[in-house]
Each structure stands twice: as structure tokens, then as C-alpha cells.
Protein backbone atom coordinates (compact mmCIF):
# COMPACT_ATOMS: atom_id res chain seq x y z
CA MET A 1 26.60 -25.25 -74.32
CA ALA A 2 30.11 -25.15 -72.84
CA ALA A 3 29.65 -21.68 -71.26
CA ARG A 4 26.53 -22.68 -69.32
CA PRO A 5 26.32 -26.48 -69.30
CA TRP A 6 23.68 -26.36 -66.55
CA LEU A 7 21.24 -24.20 -68.53
CA VAL A 8 19.67 -26.83 -70.82
CA PRO A 9 19.20 -29.43 -68.04
CA ALA A 10 17.82 -26.73 -65.72
CA ILE A 11 15.25 -25.51 -68.25
CA GLY A 12 14.31 -29.08 -69.16
CA THR A 13 13.92 -29.97 -65.50
CA LEU A 14 11.62 -27.01 -64.90
CA LEU A 15 9.51 -27.91 -67.94
CA VAL A 16 9.08 -31.50 -66.72
CA ILE A 17 8.14 -30.29 -63.22
CA ALA A 18 5.60 -27.81 -64.62
CA ALA A 19 3.98 -30.34 -66.97
CA ASP A 20 3.85 -32.97 -64.23
CA GLN A 21 2.32 -30.70 -61.61
CA ILE A 22 -0.24 -29.19 -64.00
CA ILE A 23 -1.46 -32.59 -65.18
CA LYS A 24 -1.59 -33.97 -61.62
CA SER A 25 -3.60 -30.94 -60.52
CA ILE A 26 -6.11 -31.45 -63.34
CA VAL A 27 -6.44 -35.16 -62.53
CA ALA A 28 -6.86 -34.52 -58.78
CA ARG A 29 -9.60 -31.93 -59.45
CA SER A 30 -11.38 -33.92 -62.18
CA ILE A 31 -11.27 -37.56 -61.08
CA PRO A 32 -12.06 -38.67 -57.53
CA ALA A 33 -9.37 -40.79 -55.84
CA GLY A 34 -9.88 -44.42 -56.80
CA ALA A 35 -12.04 -43.59 -59.82
CA SER A 36 -11.13 -44.32 -63.43
CA VAL A 37 -12.03 -42.78 -66.79
CA THR A 38 -11.54 -44.86 -69.94
CA VAL A 39 -9.64 -43.02 -72.67
CA ILE A 40 -8.94 -45.90 -75.08
CA PRO A 41 -10.93 -49.02 -74.16
CA GLY A 42 -8.67 -51.88 -73.07
CA LEU A 43 -5.52 -49.79 -73.56
CA LEU A 44 -5.52 -46.55 -71.55
CA SER A 45 -7.48 -45.19 -68.63
CA LEU A 46 -6.97 -42.27 -66.33
CA THR A 47 -7.13 -43.79 -62.87
CA HIS A 48 -6.61 -41.46 -59.90
CA VAL A 49 -4.34 -43.26 -57.43
CA GLN A 50 -2.78 -41.76 -54.30
CA ASN A 51 0.54 -43.61 -54.27
CA THR A 52 2.25 -43.81 -50.87
CA GLY A 53 4.93 -46.16 -52.24
CA ILE A 54 8.12 -45.41 -54.12
CA ALA A 55 8.22 -46.37 -57.82
CA PHE A 56 4.97 -47.54 -59.41
CA GLY A 57 3.44 -48.15 -55.98
CA TRP A 58 6.22 -50.45 -54.77
CA PHE A 59 7.14 -50.28 -51.08
CA ALA A 60 3.88 -48.63 -50.05
CA GLY A 61 3.99 -48.09 -46.32
CA LEU A 62 7.44 -46.53 -46.20
CA SER A 63 7.30 -43.23 -44.44
CA PRO A 64 7.07 -40.06 -46.55
CA ALA A 65 10.36 -38.92 -45.02
CA LEU A 66 12.15 -42.01 -46.33
CA ALA A 67 10.69 -41.44 -49.81
CA ALA A 68 11.84 -37.80 -49.70
CA ILE A 69 15.34 -38.91 -48.70
CA ALA A 70 15.37 -41.29 -51.68
CA ALA A 71 14.38 -38.47 -54.06
CA LEU A 72 16.98 -36.12 -52.59
CA THR A 73 19.60 -38.85 -52.99
CA LEU A 74 18.77 -38.99 -56.70
CA PHE A 75 19.37 -35.24 -56.95
CA PHE A 76 22.69 -35.61 -55.17
CA VAL A 77 23.80 -38.37 -57.53
CA LEU A 78 22.80 -36.34 -60.60
CA PHE A 79 24.37 -33.07 -59.52
CA TYR A 80 27.22 -33.94 -57.16
CA ASN A 81 30.00 -32.85 -59.52
CA ARG A 82 29.11 -29.80 -61.55
CA GLY A 83 32.62 -29.73 -63.03
CA ARG A 84 31.63 -32.71 -65.18
CA TRP A 85 28.25 -31.61 -66.46
CA PRO A 86 27.02 -33.44 -69.55
CA ARG A 87 28.56 -32.38 -72.78
CA SER A 88 25.94 -33.72 -75.18
CA ARG A 89 22.32 -32.76 -75.69
CA ALA A 90 21.27 -36.37 -75.10
CA GLU A 91 22.96 -36.44 -71.68
CA SER A 92 21.40 -33.09 -70.81
CA ALA A 93 17.97 -34.33 -71.83
CA GLY A 94 18.38 -37.54 -69.82
CA ILE A 95 19.41 -35.63 -66.71
CA ALA A 96 16.62 -33.08 -67.14
CA LEU A 97 14.00 -35.81 -67.49
CA MET A 98 15.24 -37.71 -64.44
CA ALA A 99 15.64 -34.63 -62.25
CA GLY A 100 12.30 -33.16 -63.31
CA GLY A 101 10.51 -36.44 -62.65
CA ALA A 102 12.11 -36.86 -59.24
CA ALA A 103 11.31 -33.26 -58.31
CA GLY A 104 7.69 -33.57 -59.46
CA ASN A 105 7.11 -36.63 -57.31
CA LEU A 106 9.01 -35.08 -54.39
CA LEU A 107 6.76 -32.02 -54.53
CA ASP A 108 3.70 -34.28 -54.25
CA ARG A 109 5.18 -36.08 -51.26
CA ILE A 110 5.99 -32.82 -49.50
CA ARG A 111 2.63 -31.17 -50.26
CA LEU A 112 0.29 -34.16 -50.08
CA GLY A 113 2.09 -37.03 -48.36
CA PHE A 114 1.60 -39.19 -51.48
CA VAL A 115 2.16 -39.04 -55.24
CA VAL A 116 -0.76 -38.59 -57.64
CA ASP A 117 -0.63 -41.35 -60.28
CA TYR A 118 -3.10 -41.58 -63.16
CA LEU A 119 -1.78 -43.28 -66.32
CA ASP A 120 -3.25 -46.78 -66.38
CA LEU A 121 -2.16 -49.07 -69.22
CA HIS A 122 -3.86 -52.08 -67.57
CA VAL A 123 -0.64 -54.15 -67.77
CA TRP A 124 1.55 -52.15 -65.39
CA PRO A 125 0.95 -50.32 -62.12
CA VAL A 126 -0.62 -46.88 -62.51
CA PHE A 127 2.04 -44.19 -63.01
CA ASN A 128 2.40 -40.51 -63.98
CA VAL A 129 4.40 -38.18 -66.22
CA ALA A 130 7.14 -37.84 -63.58
CA ASP A 131 7.61 -41.63 -63.43
CA ALA A 132 7.72 -41.81 -67.22
CA ALA A 133 10.27 -38.96 -67.34
CA ILE A 134 12.54 -40.79 -64.89
CA VAL A 135 12.40 -44.03 -66.88
CA VAL A 136 12.86 -42.34 -70.26
CA GLY A 137 15.68 -40.15 -68.90
CA ALA A 138 17.51 -43.19 -67.52
CA GLY A 139 17.04 -44.93 -70.87
CA VAL A 140 18.48 -41.95 -72.74
CA LEU A 141 21.54 -41.92 -70.46
CA VAL A 142 22.07 -45.68 -70.82
CA LEU A 143 21.81 -45.46 -74.62
CA THR A 144 24.17 -42.47 -74.70
CA ILE A 145 26.73 -44.27 -72.56
CA ALA A 146 26.42 -47.44 -74.66
CA ARG A 147 26.78 -45.48 -77.89
CA GLU A 148 29.84 -43.59 -76.70
CA GLY A 149 31.37 -46.60 -74.96
CA ARG A 150 32.16 -44.85 -71.68
CA PRO A 151 30.37 -43.12 -68.82
CA PRO A 152 29.67 -39.39 -69.24
CA GLN A 153 31.77 -38.57 -66.15
CA SER A 154 34.99 -39.96 -67.67
CA ARG A 155 35.11 -37.58 -70.67
CA ARG A 156 37.18 -34.43 -70.52
């Protein structure tokens, strides 16, 4: 991994983007906006929501340009210093999940002006694979940092 430290996160990012966009396309074609299909009664539904907000529908009403700037800022923070790319598979996976999720939602905002959300657990706002990837990726990075006792950027 030392020769091409960007390769694993790049491939992982592309896989998350592809999965996210394919599933969103299927949902958008199969379920009318605002409609819901029960998958597991009381636990999981597929609910087609056109989210104009940021995370999980929060801050709806912000302009699409502001949301795009927020997503681009995330990319900058993740990739600003390529000389200190992650050295562990866990860090690479965390970065790939976060970057892929941010890119998937950014693509929706650019193409559609909103993000397609569809996973409805009935106890949380409706979300999508990209949102889940961002949250899981952040969790992986936090656990990795906690386990190693220092931020990934400080290792040499």
C-alpha cells in the first residue's frame, strides 16, 4: 500500500459512488416521490424523499450552491495533504466511505438540485447509502484514531 496509498481509497470511493447512484436511480424510477413501500413492517420502508437539506434533511432551504460548497469542503479536508495518506486499511476504508458518500450526494445536488433519500427506519429521518457511508466512514476513522491513540496525520 505504500507505493500507491491513494489506490485503495480511490477504488473504494468509486464503488460507494456507483452503488449509491445505482440504488438512487432504481428508487427514483420505481417509487414516486413522497410514496413509501414497506419492506419490513414497523422496521424498514423505502420512502422516496427529495431532500433539499444537508444531512438527513436538516437545513432544508439552503441553496444548492451552499450544499455543494459544503460537500467540496469535505473533499478538501479529506485530501488536502496527499503526503500523509492513510497508512492502514481501516483509515483507507473510512476515507473511501466518507468521500464516496459525499460525492454521491454531491452528484445528486448537481444533477437534480436535491438528494434522493429512501431508507426509512421510522425512528430517524429518511436517508440513503451515501449518508450511511459518511457516518460509518467517520465512525471507522474515530475508532482507528482511538485505538492508535493519535490522529492519522501525526504518524510518519
